[in-house]
Amino acid sequence: MLSIKEDIAQALQVLKAGGVIIYPTDTIWGIGCDATNVKAVERIYNIKQREDSKSMLVLVNTENMIPSYIEEVPEIAWELLEASDAPMTLIYPGARNLANNLVGSDGTIGIRVSEEVFCKELIGRFRKPIVSTSANVSGNLPPGNFGEIDERLLEQVDYVVKWRQDDYSKNNPSSIIKLGLGGEIEVIRK
């Protein structure tokens, strides 16, 4: 069995090469890649059989990464991040420095600060955000744990993380809140 360090090293190598991974997050198992790599993002849309007009979110490992990918972080975002005690994705206006096929047609991007130990370390070593979209074919239910991931998806990615594959606890997707520059808040998913 690989140690977590070896598992992270393998996933990191794949991300740096422009590959796609399946990995555990602080919510559900996800399909991910370098959030700045257009071709890798395109592969995820193909694997998920998802329209590329439906944007995906990205994970960062610290709030300090957010300003590098958002033109102007609304003040309310910092307050929400401070107050949240559960996984929360914030949709920000003015995305930048990300693959253009990842950004919404209105220029927005969803970002979540991951608290999951594997994700935090992987993103910290990669030094860039990672795409995070549920490890399922578009339209199907997201997997509650590793055992619920469709075998065909596992075969289409370049690396499947070993960490937490034997964790059968059920996790839920994050809440999603869309922010406006004027402090507007729209709850998309509780």
Protein backbone atom coordinates (compact mmCIF):
# COMPACT_ATOMS: atom_id res chain seq x y z
CA MET A 1 0.00 0.00 0.00
CA LEU A 2 1.28 3.46 -0.91
CA SER A 3 1.90 5.96 1.84
CA ILE A 4 0.00 9.26 1.59
CA LYS A 5 3.29 10.98 0.59
CA GLU A 6 3.86 8.50 -2.26
CA ASP A 7 0.22 8.83 -3.34
CA ILE A 8 0.50 12.63 -3.41
CA ALA A 9 3.77 12.39 -5.37
CA GLN A 10 2.09 10.17 -8.00
CA ALA A 11 -0.94 12.48 -8.31
CA LEU A 12 1.34 15.52 -8.50
CA GLN A 13 3.35 14.01 -11.33
CA VAL A 14 0.15 13.36 -13.31
CA LEU A 15 -1.18 16.91 -12.72
CA LYS A 16 2.12 18.46 -13.80
CA ALA A 17 2.01 16.39 -17.01
CA GLY A 18 -1.48 17.70 -17.82
CA GLY A 19 -3.24 14.52 -16.75
CA VAL A 20 -6.55 13.82 -15.02
CA ILE A 21 -6.99 12.22 -11.58
CA ILE A 22 -9.80 10.86 -9.43
CA TYR A 23 -9.27 11.90 -5.82
CA PRO A 24 -10.99 12.37 -2.45
CA THR A 25 -12.06 15.87 -1.42
CA ASP A 26 -13.59 17.29 1.73
CA THR A 27 -17.00 16.53 0.22
CA ILE A 28 -17.26 13.75 -2.38
CA TRP A 29 -14.78 11.99 -4.68
CA GLY A 30 -13.84 14.21 -7.58
CA ILE A 31 -12.29 14.24 -11.01
CA GLY A 32 -9.56 16.83 -11.22
CA CYS A 33 -6.78 18.39 -13.24
CA ASP A 34 -4.67 21.53 -13.47
CA ALA A 35 -7.23 24.37 -13.44
CA THR A 36 -5.00 26.42 -15.76
CA ASN A 37 -4.69 23.72 -18.46
CA VAL A 38 -7.33 24.07 -21.22
CA LYS A 39 -6.71 20.59 -22.73
CA ALA A 40 -6.92 18.85 -19.34
CA VAL A 41 -10.18 20.67 -18.53
CA GLU A 42 -11.55 19.63 -21.94
CA ARG A 43 -10.72 15.99 -21.13
CA ILE A 44 -12.79 16.19 -17.93
CA TYR A 45 -15.81 17.50 -19.87
CA ASN A 46 -15.40 14.54 -22.26
CA ILE A 47 -14.98 11.98 -19.47
CA LYS A 48 -18.07 13.28 -17.67
CA GLN A 49 -20.01 13.62 -20.95
CA ARG A 50 -20.82 17.13 -19.78
CA GLU A 51 -21.56 20.25 -21.78
CA ASP A 52 -18.61 22.63 -21.58
CA SER A 53 -21.08 25.47 -20.98
CA LYS A 54 -21.61 24.06 -17.46
CA SER A 55 -18.63 25.40 -15.54
CA MET A 56 -16.84 23.39 -12.86
CA LEU A 57 -15.34 24.55 -9.59
CA VAL A 58 -11.74 24.62 -8.40
CA LEU A 59 -10.13 23.78 -5.09
CA VAL A 60 -7.45 25.82 -3.36
CA ASN A 61 -5.68 24.89 -0.14
CA THR A 62 -5.74 28.30 1.51
CA GLU A 63 -7.75 31.53 1.31
CA ASN A 64 -4.51 33.28 0.31
CA MET A 65 -4.68 31.64 -3.14
CA ILE A 66 -8.07 33.19 -4.01
CA PRO A 67 -6.89 36.70 -5.04
CA SER A 68 -4.55 35.17 -7.65
CA TYR A 69 -7.58 33.84 -9.54
CA ILE A 70 -10.20 36.56 -8.90
CA GLU A 71 -9.89 40.16 -10.12
CA GLU A 72 -11.53 41.63 -7.02
CA VAL A 73 -12.62 39.48 -4.10
CA PRO A 74 -15.92 40.84 -2.69
CA GLU A 75 -15.56 41.77 1.00
CA ILE A 76 -18.48 39.50 1.93
CA ALA A 77 -16.43 36.49 0.75
CA TRP A 78 -13.95 36.88 3.60
CA GLU A 79 -16.79 37.08 6.13
CA LEU A 80 -18.46 33.95 4.73
CA LEU A 81 -15.19 32.01 4.70
CA GLU A 82 -14.53 33.03 8.30
CA ALA A 83 -18.03 32.02 9.47
CA SER A 84 -18.33 28.72 7.58
CA ASP A 85 -17.88 25.46 9.47
CA ALA A 86 -18.78 23.18 6.55
CA PRO A 87 -17.50 22.85 2.98
CA MET A 88 -18.71 25.87 0.99
CA THR A 89 -18.12 26.81 -2.62
CA LEU A 90 -18.25 30.51 -3.40
CA ILE A 91 -18.88 31.63 -6.97
CA TYR A 92 -16.85 34.75 -7.62
CA PRO A 93 -17.17 37.30 -10.43
CA GLY A 94 -14.07 38.24 -12.43
CA ALA A 95 -12.18 34.95 -12.80
CA ARG A 96 -8.62 35.23 -14.07
CA ASN A 97 -5.49 33.10 -14.61
CA LEU A 98 -7.59 29.95 -15.15
CA ALA A 99 -8.35 27.85 -18.23
CA ASN A 100 -10.92 29.82 -20.24
CA ASN A 101 -13.10 26.71 -20.75
CA LEU A 102 -13.41 26.41 -16.97
CA VAL A 103 -14.80 29.90 -16.41
CA GLY A 104 -18.55 30.53 -16.64
CA SER A 105 -19.88 32.48 -19.64
CA ASP A 106 -20.52 35.37 -17.21
CA GLY A 107 -16.85 35.39 -16.12
CA THR A 108 -17.48 33.61 -12.80
CA ILE A 109 -15.69 30.71 -11.14
CA GLY A 110 -16.58 28.58 -8.13
CA ILE A 111 -13.76 28.20 -5.60
CA ARG A 112 -13.70 26.11 -2.44
CA VAL A 113 -10.94 26.10 0.17
CA SER A 114 -10.40 22.41 0.85
CA GLU A 115 -9.78 21.21 4.38
CA GLU A 116 -9.17 17.58 3.36
CA VAL A 117 -5.60 16.56 4.28
CA PHE A 118 -4.74 14.92 0.92
CA CYS A 119 -6.13 17.86 -1.11
CA LYS A 120 -4.44 20.51 1.01
CA GLU A 121 -1.04 18.85 0.62
CA LEU A 122 -1.48 18.09 -3.09
CA ILE A 123 -2.58 21.64 -3.95
CA GLY A 124 0.14 23.10 -1.72
CA ARG A 125 2.80 21.14 -3.59
CA PHE A 126 1.22 21.81 -7.00
CA ARG A 127 0.95 25.55 -6.21
CA LYS A 128 -2.09 25.94 -8.48
CA PRO A 129 -5.82 25.28 -8.09
CA ILE A 130 -7.19 21.88 -9.07
CA VAL A 131 -10.48 21.32 -10.88
CA SER A 132 -13.02 19.52 -8.73
CA THR A 133 -16.14 18.02 -10.21
CA SER A 134 -17.99 14.97 -8.93
CA ALA A 135 -16.63 11.63 -10.13
CA ASN A 136 -19.71 10.66 -12.12
CA VAL A 137 -21.11 10.89 -15.62
CA SER A 138 -23.10 14.11 -15.95
CA GLY A 139 -26.73 13.56 -14.94
CA ASN A 140 -25.95 10.57 -12.70
CA LEU A 141 -25.86 10.77 -8.90
CA PRO A 142 -22.51 11.81 -7.43
CA PRO A 143 -20.66 9.03 -5.57
CA GLY A 144 -21.07 9.09 -1.81
CA ASN A 145 -17.78 7.21 -1.44
CA PHE A 146 -15.10 5.57 -3.59
CA GLY A 147 -17.03 2.30 -3.97
CA GLU A 148 -19.84 4.13 -5.81
CA ILE A 149 -17.62 5.46 -8.63
CA ASP A 150 -18.46 3.98 -12.03
CA GLU A 151 -15.70 1.59 -13.14
CA ARG A 152 -15.69 3.16 -16.63
CA LEU A 153 -14.65 6.52 -15.15
CA LEU A 154 -11.76 4.92 -13.27
CA GLU A 155 -10.47 3.54 -16.58
CA GLN A 156 -10.54 6.94 -18.34
CA VAL A 157 -8.30 8.91 -15.98
CA ASP A 158 -4.51 8.86 -15.65
CA TYR A 159 -4.35 8.24 -11.91
CA VAL A 160 -6.74 7.09 -9.18
CA VAL A 161 -5.67 8.18 -5.70
CA LYS A 162 -5.41 5.33 -3.20
CA TRP A 163 -5.90 7.49 -0.07
CA ARG A 164 -9.31 6.95 1.57
CA GLN A 165 -10.57 4.37 -0.94
CA ASP A 166 -11.59 2.21 2.02
CA ASP A 167 -13.54 5.05 3.71
CA TYR A 168 -17.22 4.19 3.22
CA SER A 169 -18.72 7.12 5.08
CA LYS A 170 -21.20 9.09 2.97
CA ASN A 171 -20.31 12.69 2.23
CA ASN A 172 -22.44 15.38 0.64
CA PRO A 173 -21.60 18.03 -1.94
CA SER A 174 -20.75 21.50 -0.61
CA SER A 175 -23.13 24.40 -0.30
CA ILE A 176 -22.82 26.86 -3.21
CA ILE A 177 -23.20 30.62 -2.84
CA LYS A 178 -22.87 33.10 -5.71
CA LEU A 179 -21.39 36.49 -4.85
CA GLY A 180 -21.68 39.88 -6.51
CA LEU A 181 -19.15 42.70 -6.30
CA GLY A 182 -21.71 44.83 -4.44
CA GLY A 183 -22.07 42.25 -1.66
CA GLU A 184 -25.02 40.44 -3.28
CA ILE A 185 -25.48 36.82 -2.19
CA GLU A 186 -27.47 34.14 -4.01
CA VAL A 187 -27.71 30.67 -2.44
CA ILE A 188 -27.47 28.12 -5.27
CA ARG A 189 -27.32 24.94 -3.12
CA LYS A 190 -27.70 24.67 0.67
